[in-house]
Amino acid sequence: HISVAEILFTALKENNADSVAQIEAETGHKLTNGQLLEDSLSVAQGLKAEGIGEGSVVAVVTFNSQEAYIITLASIFVGATVAPLDSGLTPDELGHFIKLIQPKIIFCDNGKTLNKIEQAYKVLPYTPGFVVSGVQKHTYIDFEDLKQPIDVEFKPDIKNPEDHILFIMPTSGTTGLSKGVMLSDLYMRNASILLPKMELCLLVTSPLFWVSGILCLFISFISGYTTVYLRGTVKENTLLSIIQDYKINLWVSSPTALLGLVASPYKNAYDISSLKFAFVGGSSMSAESVLQVQKELFNNKISILQAYGMTEIGVVSSCDLNSNKPGSAGLLKPGCKCKIENVATGEPLGPGIKGEVCMKAPYMMKGYINNPEAYAELFDKDGWVHTGDLGYYDEEGYLFVVDRMKEMIKYKSYHIAPSELEDILRKHPAVKEALVVGVPHPTDGDHATAFIVPIKKVSEDELVQYVAERVSETKQLRGGVRFVEEIPCTPTGKPKRNVLRDQLIARNNSSSEMLVH
């Protein structure tokens, strides 16, 4: 099997060297295919000089930037494993994952991220090397100084692509702590949705620490597209302006982002007619929502294509222009298997009947780094992965994912583990018990909302702030805090999350009222 490094190397060499490969949306700074390949090969030589190669882990902890993309490519070329991390994580969260993956080098920006990683040193058993963009400390390597003369004879040489770990991606941490998902070359090749080579402008709003962010890069490099990327989140009017000004044709997006534009007061102020395709993932998008976006934003002149999968098992189904139904996640990819299972009995269900979506895929993750027990628990006795999602398939084999069974909260395209927030809340001296649920929001997906059994007087704002100081921005209690007398439980002691959640939605009363009596 040919490695991903060889595929990307060959594609970049074959692409028109003078064509624009990347544009930074906020600044307009451009990089051609030739410059991208040259800089990546130059940094690859610098990494080799630092002893980076197969078996090494390079952590990339920053927002989207040309430097981040270049060092990612360079790391892939020399056979290293790339571990992209969210720079918005807290020092404790960063320290946990860095300790888990043991990177030889960490790339980050010279600012808040570097300061947070330095704070995380207290939990690290060693001191990794640093490559920093715009560094001012002589103890670290500046990104520009990493560049070395190019070896004209260089080409990627990955010894065993079948077993080579290309990426370690963080999970959302269903037990409160993030796990590291090891993804091989074969996984990434199977997950990639290859599109025809043509002149096309792709908008990337996904960060590198999402699989979709990585796949966007692969798609653009292999197909020769121009990528317009965002360094961070932007307001809706800015996003609309970017689509208009750069004449974006393809956007890998989320239901939240598309529905947010539908609700935007600025939607008619910009010409976004250039956008012809939107790939949607991260959460399901109903047929009604798809049709609404197509009609209200694009006058029915756009194709919205959905895909379905998990970080652990990859993309298992997807739509294309020849096989697309509104609201569907498409047909299974070659080699993938799906069954819809009756949650109560475990029996397989037929077409049109909703149940839990269970999957098998030929190229899944290699495992969780340093956590074989969690990997074993992912499968049932017959080798099926139970996704926790509710769905069905129709008579033609199209998969529809209509709801989620898991307790995970999906804020925009982020996943929040309730247990992580509950553990934090329980450490507050005024909290006896805590339960966190996702309450639907019209554009954000869910807002994390806490139900608290207090043991002494405390304000809602104090608890919201208490959590905000201990988690990243995406995990905050946007739904606020509600005080209750008790947490309802099943006979086995499991909290009845939906009882409180449904009461709150139905009654919509003040945050200070007791909901359970």
Protein backbone atom coordinates (compact mmCIF):
# COMPACT_ATOMS: atom_id res chain seq x y z
CA HIS A 1 0.00 0.00 0.00
CA ILE A 2 1.22 3.49 -0.84
CA SER A 3 1.47 5.83 2.14
CA VAL A 4 -0.50 9.05 2.64
CA ALA A 5 2.84 10.88 2.70
CA GLU A 6 3.65 9.61 -0.80
CA ILE A 7 0.14 10.45 -2.07
CA LEU A 8 0.35 14.04 -0.78
CA PHE A 9 3.94 14.49 -1.96
CA THR A 10 3.10 13.31 -5.48
CA ALA A 11 -0.10 15.38 -5.66
CA LEU A 12 1.65 18.59 -4.60
CA LYS A 13 4.43 18.02 -7.13
CA GLU A 14 1.88 17.47 -9.90
CA ASN A 15 -0.31 20.47 -9.02
CA ASN A 16 0.33 23.71 -10.91
CA ALA A 17 3.14 25.33 -8.92
CA ASP A 18 1.87 28.85 -9.66
CA SER A 19 -1.75 28.18 -8.66
CA VAL A 20 -2.86 29.44 -5.26
CA ALA A 21 -3.03 26.61 -2.73
CA GLN A 22 -4.09 28.50 0.39
CA ILE A 23 -5.53 31.86 1.37
CA GLU A 24 -5.84 33.12 4.93
CA ALA A 25 -9.32 34.65 4.95
CA GLU A 26 -8.70 37.28 7.61
CA THR A 27 -5.53 38.72 6.01
CA GLY A 28 -5.75 37.65 2.37
CA HIS A 29 -2.22 36.21 2.56
CA LYS A 30 -1.69 33.65 -0.22
CA LEU A 31 0.57 30.64 -0.70
CA THR A 32 1.03 28.90 -4.05
CA ASN A 33 1.35 25.15 -4.50
CA GLY A 34 5.03 25.63 -5.25
CA GLN A 35 5.63 27.67 -2.10
CA LEU A 36 3.66 25.22 0.03
CA LEU A 37 5.69 22.24 -1.19
CA GLU A 38 8.99 24.11 -0.89
CA ASP A 39 8.29 25.30 2.66
CA SER A 40 7.04 21.87 3.74
CA LEU A 41 10.16 20.14 2.39
CA SER A 42 12.37 22.78 4.00
CA VAL A 43 10.71 22.29 7.40
CA ALA A 44 10.90 18.52 6.90
CA GLN A 45 14.69 18.83 6.72
CA GLY A 46 14.64 20.88 9.92
CA LEU A 47 12.56 18.23 11.66
CA LYS A 48 14.96 15.50 10.52
CA ALA A 49 17.84 17.55 11.93
CA GLU A 50 16.00 17.58 15.28
CA GLY A 51 15.73 13.79 15.18
CA ILE A 52 12.06 13.70 14.16
CA GLY A 53 10.95 10.71 12.09
CA GLU A 54 8.95 7.50 12.34
CA GLY A 55 8.04 6.87 15.95
CA SER A 56 8.15 10.57 16.87
CA VAL A 57 5.03 12.52 17.84
CA VAL A 58 4.66 16.17 16.83
CA ALA A 59 1.93 18.05 18.70
CA VAL A 60 0.35 20.97 16.82
CA VAL A 61 -1.36 23.24 19.33
CA THR A 62 -2.55 26.34 17.54
CA PHE A 63 -5.30 27.90 15.47
CA ASN A 64 -5.46 27.32 11.71
CA SER A 65 -2.44 28.96 10.09
CA GLN A 66 -0.06 28.43 7.20
CA GLU A 67 2.66 27.51 9.69
CA ALA A 68 0.41 24.85 11.25
CA TYR A 69 -0.42 23.35 7.86
CA ILE A 70 3.23 23.39 6.77
CA ILE A 71 4.55 21.69 9.90
CA THR A 72 1.74 19.13 9.64
CA LEU A 73 2.73 18.32 6.06
CA ALA A 74 6.43 18.28 6.94
CA SER A 75 5.81 15.90 9.84
CA ILE A 76 3.83 13.58 7.57
CA PHE A 77 6.64 13.65 4.98
CA VAL A 78 9.28 12.51 7.52
CA GLY A 79 7.03 9.76 8.89
CA ALA A 80 6.19 11.37 12.23
CA THR A 81 2.81 11.09 13.95
CA VAL A 82 0.86 14.36 14.16
CA ALA A 83 -1.26 15.16 17.22
CA PRO A 84 -3.40 18.27 16.63
CA LEU A 85 -4.76 19.86 19.83
CA ASP A 86 -7.21 22.64 20.62
CA SER A 87 -5.29 25.73 21.74
CA GLY A 88 -8.42 26.76 23.67
CA LEU A 89 -7.94 23.96 26.20
CA THR A 90 -7.00 24.81 29.77
CA PRO A 91 -3.47 24.10 31.09
CA ASP A 92 -4.78 21.02 32.93
CA GLU A 93 -6.52 19.70 29.80
CA LEU A 94 -3.42 20.31 27.67
CA GLY A 95 -1.18 18.76 30.30
CA HIS A 96 -3.32 15.62 30.43
CA PHE A 97 -3.14 15.03 26.68
CA ILE A 98 0.51 16.00 26.26
CA LYS A 99 1.41 13.57 29.05
CA LEU A 100 -0.64 10.91 27.26
CA ILE A 101 0.94 11.26 23.81
CA GLN A 102 4.54 12.18 24.83
CA PRO A 103 5.37 14.46 21.86
CA LYS A 104 9.01 15.01 20.98
CA ILE A 105 8.21 18.51 19.70
CA ILE A 106 5.28 20.85 20.33
CA PHE A 107 4.41 23.53 17.78
CA CYS A 108 2.39 26.46 19.08
CA ASP A 109 1.96 30.22 18.75
CA ASN A 110 3.91 32.65 20.90
CA GLY A 111 1.18 33.89 23.21
CA LYS A 112 -1.51 32.45 25.43
CA THR A 113 -1.03 28.92 24.10
CA LEU A 114 2.68 28.86 24.93
CA ASN A 115 1.95 30.25 28.39
CA LYS A 116 -0.67 27.53 29.03
CA ILE A 117 1.66 24.75 27.90
CA GLU A 118 4.39 26.11 30.16
CA GLN A 119 1.90 25.99 33.05
CA ALA A 120 1.18 22.36 32.15
CA TYR A 121 4.83 21.39 32.74
CA LYS A 122 4.01 20.37 36.31
CA VAL A 123 2.26 17.19 35.10
CA LEU A 124 4.82 16.25 32.45
CA PRO A 125 7.44 13.59 33.21
CA TYR A 126 9.82 15.20 30.69
CA THR A 127 10.43 18.46 28.82
CA PRO A 128 9.55 18.31 25.10
CA GLY A 129 11.13 20.50 22.46
CA PHE A 130 9.28 23.55 21.19
CA VAL A 131 8.80 25.14 17.80
CA VAL A 132 7.08 28.47 18.24
CA SER A 133 5.70 30.94 15.70
CA GLY A 134 7.23 34.35 16.42
CA VAL A 135 9.22 33.13 19.42
CA GLN A 136 11.05 35.61 21.62
CA LYS A 137 12.64 33.13 24.03
CA HIS A 138 16.08 31.83 23.07
CA THR A 139 15.30 28.44 24.64
CA TYR A 140 12.77 27.65 21.89
CA ILE A 141 13.11 27.15 18.14
CA ASP A 142 11.48 29.81 15.99
CA PHE A 143 9.42 28.35 13.16
CA GLU A 144 11.42 30.22 10.51
CA ASP A 145 14.70 28.91 11.94
CA LEU A 146 13.42 25.36 11.51
CA LYS A 147 13.64 25.73 7.73
CA GLN A 148 16.70 24.05 6.21
CA PRO A 149 18.04 23.70 2.64
CA ILE A 150 15.95 21.24 0.65
CA ASP A 151 17.33 17.84 -0.27
CA VAL A 152 16.41 17.53 -3.96
CA GLU A 153 16.58 13.75 -3.66
CA PHE A 154 14.11 13.62 -0.76
CA LYS A 155 10.90 11.65 -1.01
CA PRO A 156 8.75 10.14 1.75
CA ASP A 157 9.64 6.57 2.68
CA ILE A 158 7.18 5.09 5.18
CA LYS A 159 8.27 1.56 6.00
CA ASN A 160 4.88 0.00 6.77
CA PRO A 161 1.86 2.18 5.83
CA GLU A 162 -0.61 -0.47 7.04
CA ASP A 163 0.56 -0.04 10.65
CA HIS A 164 1.97 3.48 10.55
CA ILE A 165 0.18 5.88 12.93
CA LEU A 166 -0.42 9.08 10.98
CA PHE A 167 -2.46 11.02 13.55
CA ILE A 168 -3.42 10.89 17.21
CA MET A 169 -6.72 12.72 17.57
CA PRO A 170 -8.29 13.70 20.91
CA THR A 171 -11.69 12.28 21.76
CA SER A 172 -14.36 14.35 23.44
CA GLY A 173 -13.73 12.44 26.66
CA THR A 174 -16.90 10.53 27.53
CA THR A 175 -15.46 9.71 30.94
CA GLY A 176 -14.34 13.25 31.54
CA LEU A 177 -10.77 12.75 30.28
CA SER A 178 -9.81 12.84 26.62
CA LYS A 179 -8.41 9.69 25.01
CA GLY A 180 -5.98 9.61 22.09
CA VAL A 181 -7.33 7.93 18.96
CA MET A 182 -4.54 6.43 16.84
CA LEU A 183 -5.33 6.74 13.13
CA SER A 184 -3.33 4.90 10.48
CA ASP A 185 -2.53 5.70 6.88
CA LEU A 186 -5.19 3.22 5.74
CA TYR A 187 -7.79 4.85 7.99
CA MET A 188 -7.18 8.30 6.48
CA ARG A 189 -7.20 6.95 2.94
CA ASN A 190 -10.53 5.21 3.56
CA ALA A 191 -12.03 8.27 5.28
CA SER A 192 -11.11 10.68 2.49
CA ILE A 193 -13.89 11.67 0.12
CA LEU A 194 -12.11 12.12 -3.19
CA LEU A 195 -13.51 14.69 -5.58
CA PRO A 196 -12.64 15.31 -9.23
CA LYS A 197 -9.76 17.63 -10.09
CA MET A 198 -11.09 21.02 -11.15
CA GLU A 199 -10.70 24.70 -10.39
CA LEU A 200 -12.59 25.00 -7.14
CA CYS A 201 -12.37 27.15 -4.02
CA LEU A 202 -12.86 25.28 -0.72
CA LEU A 203 -13.73 27.04 2.53
CA VAL A 204 -12.24 25.42 5.65
CA THR A 205 -13.83 26.39 8.95
CA SER A 206 -12.87 23.15 10.74
CA PRO A 207 -9.76 23.25 12.96
CA LEU A 208 -6.97 20.72 12.57
CA PHE A 209 -7.99 18.88 15.74
CA TRP A 210 -11.19 17.74 14.00
CA VAL A 211 -10.93 14.87 11.52
CA SER A 212 -12.91 17.01 9.05
CA GLY A 213 -10.18 19.66 9.26
CA ILE A 214 -7.56 17.09 8.28
CA LEU A 215 -9.72 15.67 5.50
CA CYS A 216 -10.27 19.16 4.07
CA LEU A 217 -6.52 19.51 3.65
CA PHE A 218 -6.19 16.13 2.00
CA ILE A 219 -9.08 16.83 -0.37
CA SER A 220 -7.66 20.19 -1.41
CA PHE A 221 -4.08 18.99 -1.90
CA ILE A 222 -5.02 15.85 -3.82
CA SER A 223 -7.66 17.53 -5.99
CA GLY A 224 -5.69 20.76 -6.49
CA TYR A 225 -8.28 23.09 -4.98
CA THR A 226 -7.63 26.52 -3.52
CA THR A 227 -8.29 26.46 0.22
CA VAL A 228 -9.56 29.52 2.06
CA TYR A 229 -9.20 28.94 5.79
CA LEU A 230 -10.19 30.81 8.93
CA ARG A 231 -7.78 31.31 11.82
CA GLY A 232 -10.68 31.20 14.27
CA THR A 233 -14.41 31.68 14.61
CA VAL A 234 -15.99 34.68 12.93
CA LYS A 235 -19.36 36.39 13.05
CA GLU A 236 -22.01 35.46 10.49
CA ASN A 237 -21.67 38.67 8.49
CA THR A 238 -17.91 38.08 8.17
CA LEU A 239 -18.48 34.50 7.05
CA LEU A 240 -20.97 35.64 4.42
CA SER A 241 -18.50 38.27 3.26
CA ILE A 242 -15.75 35.65 2.90
CA ILE A 243 -17.99 33.38 0.81
CA GLN A 244 -18.86 36.36 -1.41
CA ASP A 245 -15.39 37.90 -1.74
CA TYR A 246 -13.48 34.66 -2.38
CA LYS A 247 -16.27 33.13 -4.48
CA ILE A 248 -16.32 29.94 -2.42
CA ASN A 249 -17.64 26.88 -4.30
CA LEU A 250 -17.38 24.14 -1.64
CA TRP A 251 -17.76 24.34 2.13
CA VAL A 252 -17.25 21.48 4.57
CA SER A 253 -19.59 22.65 7.28
CA SER A 254 -21.94 21.66 10.09
CA PRO A 255 -25.74 21.87 10.41
CA THR A 256 -25.26 24.50 13.11
CA ALA A 257 -23.28 26.81 10.83
CA LEU A 258 -25.69 26.50 7.89
CA LEU A 259 -28.77 27.00 10.04
CA GLY A 260 -27.07 29.98 11.68
CA LEU A 261 -26.81 31.65 8.27
CA VAL A 262 -30.50 30.99 7.61
CA ALA A 263 -31.35 32.88 10.80
CA SER A 264 -28.85 35.68 10.13
CA PRO A 265 -30.19 39.20 9.48
CA TYR A 266 -27.29 39.65 7.04
CA LYS A 267 -28.12 36.75 4.74
CA ASN A 268 -29.59 38.93 1.96
CA ALA A 269 -26.81 41.52 2.09
CA TYR A 270 -24.23 39.30 0.38
CA ASP A 271 -24.00 37.40 -2.90
CA ILE A 272 -23.17 33.80 -1.97
CA SER A 273 -24.43 32.25 -5.19
CA SER A 274 -20.94 30.89 -5.97
CA LEU A 275 -21.42 28.23 -3.26
CA LYS A 276 -22.59 25.09 -5.06
CA PHE A 277 -21.69 22.27 -2.65
CA ALA A 278 -21.77 21.86 1.12
CA PHE A 279 -20.54 18.71 2.85
CA VAL A 280 -22.16 18.40 6.26
CA GLY A 281 -21.08 16.28 9.21
CA GLY A 282 -20.61 16.33 12.96
CA SER A 283 -24.32 15.92 13.68
CA SER A 284 -27.39 14.95 11.69
CA MET A 285 -29.34 17.39 9.56
CA SER A 286 -32.99 16.61 8.92
CA ALA A 287 -34.57 16.69 5.49
CA GLU A 288 -36.62 19.70 6.59
CA SER A 289 -33.50 21.62 7.58
CA VAL A 290 -31.70 20.69 4.35
CA LEU A 291 -34.61 21.89 2.23
CA GLN A 292 -34.90 25.08 4.31
CA VAL A 293 -31.24 25.96 3.77
CA GLN A 294 -31.39 25.15 0.07
CA LYS A 295 -34.46 27.32 -0.45
CA GLU A 296 -33.85 30.29 1.85
CA LEU A 297 -30.12 30.73 1.30
CA PHE A 298 -29.42 29.43 -2.17
CA ASN A 299 -32.68 29.45 -4.12
CA ASN A 300 -32.38 25.65 -4.46
CA LYS A 301 -29.09 25.98 -6.36
CA ILE A 302 -26.85 24.10 -3.94
CA SER A 303 -26.22 20.43 -3.16
CA ILE A 304 -26.01 19.64 0.56
CA LEU A 305 -24.25 16.31 1.03
CA GLN A 306 -24.07 14.57 4.40
CA ALA A 307 -21.64 11.99 5.74
CA TYR A 308 -21.65 9.85 8.88
CA GLY A 309 -18.98 8.31 11.04
CA MET A 310 -17.00 8.47 14.26
CA THR A 311 -13.40 9.38 14.94
CA GLU A 312 -12.82 5.78 16.06
CA ILE A 313 -14.29 4.09 12.96
CA GLY A 314 -13.94 6.75 10.27
CA VAL A 315 -16.41 7.81 7.60
CA VAL A 316 -18.76 4.87 7.04
CA SER A 317 -21.37 6.46 4.78
CA SER A 318 -21.59 9.51 2.56
CA CYS A 319 -23.64 11.11 -0.16
CA ASP A 320 -22.38 12.23 -3.53
CA LEU A 321 -23.98 14.04 -6.45
CA ASN A 322 -25.26 10.77 -7.89
CA SER A 323 -26.62 9.34 -4.62
CA ASN A 324 -28.14 12.00 -2.43
CA LYS A 325 -31.38 12.23 -0.49
CA PRO A 326 -32.18 15.23 1.73
CA GLY A 327 -31.63 14.30 5.37
CA SER A 328 -29.72 11.14 4.52
CA ALA A 329 -26.12 10.33 5.43
CA GLY A 330 -25.90 8.46 2.14
CA LEU A 331 -24.88 4.93 1.22
CA LEU A 332 -22.32 2.79 3.01
CA LYS A 333 -18.74 3.07 1.80
CA PRO A 334 -17.15 -0.10 0.36
CA GLY A 335 -16.34 -2.65 3.04
CA CYS A 336 -18.47 -0.97 5.72
CA LYS A 337 -21.39 -2.73 7.39
CA CYS A 338 -24.33 -1.29 9.30
CA LYS A 339 -27.19 -2.75 11.28
CA ILE A 340 -30.02 -1.02 13.09
CA GLU A 341 -30.56 -2.74 16.42
CA ASN A 342 -33.56 -2.86 18.73
CA VAL A 343 -32.25 -1.18 21.87
CA ALA A 344 -34.30 -3.36 24.21
CA THR A 345 -33.80 -6.77 22.58
CA GLY A 346 -30.65 -6.40 20.51
CA GLU A 347 -32.41 -7.81 17.45
CA PRO A 348 -31.63 -6.35 13.99
CA LEU A 349 -34.38 -4.20 12.50
CA GLY A 350 -35.59 -3.86 8.93
CA PRO A 351 -35.95 -0.84 6.64
CA GLY A 352 -37.73 2.21 8.03
CA ILE A 353 -37.60 1.11 11.69
CA LYS A 354 -35.61 3.28 14.09
CA GLY A 355 -33.02 1.76 16.40
CA GLU A 356 -29.41 2.10 17.46
CA VAL A 357 -26.92 2.48 14.63
CA CYS A 358 -24.21 -0.20 14.86
CA MET A 359 -21.19 -0.24 12.56
CA LYS A 360 -18.27 -2.28 11.29
CA ALA A 361 -15.57 -0.76 9.08
CA PRO A 362 -12.49 -2.26 7.42
CA TYR A 363 -10.06 0.48 8.44
CA MET A 364 -10.88 1.66 11.94
CA MET A 365 -8.54 3.28 14.43
CA LYS A 366 -5.52 1.31 15.65
CA GLY A 367 -6.65 1.85 19.22
CA TYR A 368 -6.53 4.39 22.03
CA ILE A 369 -2.95 5.27 22.91
CA ASN A 370 -1.91 3.62 26.20
CA ASN A 371 -5.50 2.48 26.81
CA PRO A 372 -6.16 -1.00 25.36
CA GLU A 373 -8.97 -1.61 27.85
CA ALA A 374 -11.06 1.26 26.45
CA TYR A 375 -10.44 -0.03 22.93
CA ALA A 376 -11.71 -3.51 23.85
CA GLU A 377 -14.84 -2.01 25.40
CA LEU A 378 -15.71 -0.29 22.11
CA PHE A 379 -16.87 -3.56 20.50
CA ASP A 380 -19.59 -6.04 21.40
CA LYS A 381 -18.98 -9.81 21.31
CA ASP A 382 -19.68 -9.90 17.57
CA GLY A 383 -17.35 -7.02 16.71
CA TRP A 384 -19.99 -4.31 16.25
CA VAL A 385 -19.44 -0.73 17.39
CA HIS A 386 -22.55 0.64 19.09
CA THR A 387 -22.64 4.32 18.13
CA GLY A 388 -25.33 5.41 20.57
CA ASP A 389 -27.12 7.16 17.70
CA LEU A 390 -30.72 6.58 16.68
CA GLY A 391 -31.33 5.97 13.00
CA TYR A 392 -32.78 3.82 10.26
CA TYR A 393 -32.15 2.85 6.64
CA ASP A 394 -34.63 2.93 3.78
CA GLU A 395 -35.46 0.33 1.12
CA GLU A 396 -32.60 1.57 -1.07
CA GLY A 397 -30.02 1.33 1.70
CA TYR A 398 -29.72 5.04 2.50
CA LEU A 399 -28.82 5.72 6.13
CA PHE A 400 -30.73 8.31 8.15
CA VAL A 401 -29.44 9.38 11.57
CA VAL A 402 -32.30 11.15 13.29
CA ASP A 403 -31.30 11.58 16.93
CA ARG A 404 -28.65 10.66 19.47
CA MET A 405 -28.94 8.26 22.33
CA LYS A 406 -25.74 9.15 24.02
CA GLU A 407 -25.55 11.57 26.88
CA MET A 408 -22.92 13.63 25.10
CA ILE A 409 -23.81 17.28 24.60
CA LYS A 410 -23.17 18.65 21.12
CA TYR A 411 -22.51 22.39 21.24
CA LYS A 412 -22.10 23.52 17.62
CA SER A 413 -19.65 20.86 16.38
CA TYR A 414 -18.03 20.33 19.78
CA HIS A 415 -18.77 17.37 22.02
CA ILE A 416 -19.04 17.91 25.76
CA ALA A 417 -18.89 15.12 28.33
CA PRO A 418 -21.46 15.82 31.09
CA SER A 419 -19.40 13.83 33.57
CA GLU A 420 -16.48 16.24 33.20
CA LEU A 421 -18.62 19.24 34.15
CA GLU A 422 -20.42 17.27 36.88
CA ASP A 423 -17.10 16.31 38.47
CA ILE A 424 -16.04 19.96 38.54
CA LEU A 425 -19.33 21.14 40.02
CA ARG A 426 -19.25 18.50 42.73
CA LYS A 427 -15.97 19.95 43.98
CA HIS A 428 -17.69 23.23 44.87
CA PRO A 429 -18.36 23.38 48.63
CA ALA A 430 -22.00 24.38 48.12
CA VAL A 431 -22.84 21.50 45.75
CA LYS A 432 -24.24 18.19 46.97
CA GLU A 433 -25.18 16.70 43.60
CA ALA A 434 -24.89 17.86 40.00
CA LEU A 435 -26.39 16.72 36.73
CA VAL A 436 -25.53 18.30 33.37
CA VAL A 437 -27.67 17.94 30.25
CA GLY A 438 -27.90 19.54 26.83
CA VAL A 439 -30.88 21.82 26.28
CA PRO A 440 -31.74 22.52 22.62
CA HIS A 441 -30.75 25.90 21.21
CA PRO A 442 -32.06 27.19 17.85
CA THR A 443 -28.62 27.67 16.25
CA ASP A 444 -25.98 26.15 18.57
CA GLY A 445 -27.29 22.59 18.85
CA ASP A 446 -27.31 22.18 22.63
CA HIS A 447 -26.39 24.40 25.57
CA ALA A 448 -24.90 22.67 28.61
CA THR A 449 -27.24 23.22 31.57
CA ALA A 450 -26.60 22.14 35.16
CA PHE A 451 -29.12 20.94 37.73
CA ILE A 452 -27.75 21.37 41.26
CA VAL A 453 -28.79 20.00 44.63
CA PRO A 454 -27.22 22.60 46.97
CA ILE A 455 -26.09 22.03 50.52
CA LYS A 456 -25.78 25.72 51.32
CA LYS A 457 -26.61 29.02 49.70
CA VAL A 458 -24.88 29.72 46.41
CA SER A 459 -25.82 31.77 43.35
CA GLU A 460 -26.28 30.50 39.83
CA ASP A 461 -23.76 33.02 38.51
CA GLU A 462 -21.14 31.83 41.00
CA LEU A 463 -21.42 28.24 39.79
CA VAL A 464 -21.40 29.25 36.11
CA GLN A 465 -18.23 31.26 36.74
CA TYR A 466 -16.73 28.42 38.80
CA VAL A 467 -17.02 26.07 35.81
CA ALA A 468 -15.91 28.73 33.30
CA GLU A 469 -12.61 29.15 35.16
CA ARG A 470 -11.85 25.43 34.88
CA VAL A 471 -12.81 24.44 31.34
CA SER A 472 -12.27 25.67 27.81
CA GLU A 473 -14.64 28.17 26.26
CA THR A 474 -16.67 25.56 24.37
CA LYS A 475 -17.54 23.58 27.52
CA GLN A 476 -19.11 26.37 29.57
CA LEU A 477 -22.62 26.28 31.08
CA ARG A 478 -24.33 28.36 28.42
CA GLY A 479 -27.71 27.07 29.58
CA GLY A 480 -27.02 28.24 33.12
CA VAL A 481 -27.82 26.56 36.43
CA ARG A 482 -31.13 25.34 37.88
CA PHE A 483 -31.55 24.38 41.54
CA VAL A 484 -33.49 21.23 42.40
CA GLU A 485 -34.34 19.35 45.59
CA GLU A 486 -33.17 15.98 44.25
CA ILE A 487 -31.84 14.26 41.16
CA PRO A 488 -34.40 11.65 40.02
CA CYS A 489 -32.83 8.22 39.53
CA THR A 490 -33.74 4.78 38.23
CA PRO A 491 -33.94 1.84 40.68
CA THR A 492 -30.34 1.03 39.84
CA GLY A 493 -29.23 4.55 40.76
CA LYS A 494 -28.73 5.92 37.26
CA PRO A 495 -29.78 9.58 36.93
CA LYS A 496 -32.87 10.20 34.81
CA ARG A 497 -31.37 12.95 32.71
CA ASN A 498 -34.34 13.37 30.41
CA VAL A 499 -36.79 14.02 33.27
CA LEU A 500 -35.17 17.28 34.30
CA ARG A 501 -34.31 18.21 30.74
CA ASP A 502 -37.89 17.72 29.53
CA GLN A 503 -39.33 19.60 32.50
CA LEU A 504 -37.11 22.57 31.75
CA ILE A 505 -38.05 22.62 28.09
CA ALA A 506 -41.78 22.26 28.81
CA ARG A 507 -42.10 24.74 31.64
CA ASN A 508 -39.45 27.26 30.58
CA ASN A 509 -39.63 28.90 33.97
CA SER A 510 -37.09 30.95 35.86
CA SER A 511 -33.67 29.57 36.62
CA SER A 512 -34.17 29.75 40.36
CA GLU A 513 -37.40 27.71 40.57
CA MET A 514 -37.33 24.21 41.96
CA LEU A 515 -38.26 21.74 39.22
CA VAL A 516 -38.45 18.56 41.23
CA HIS A 517 -40.57 18.31 44.38
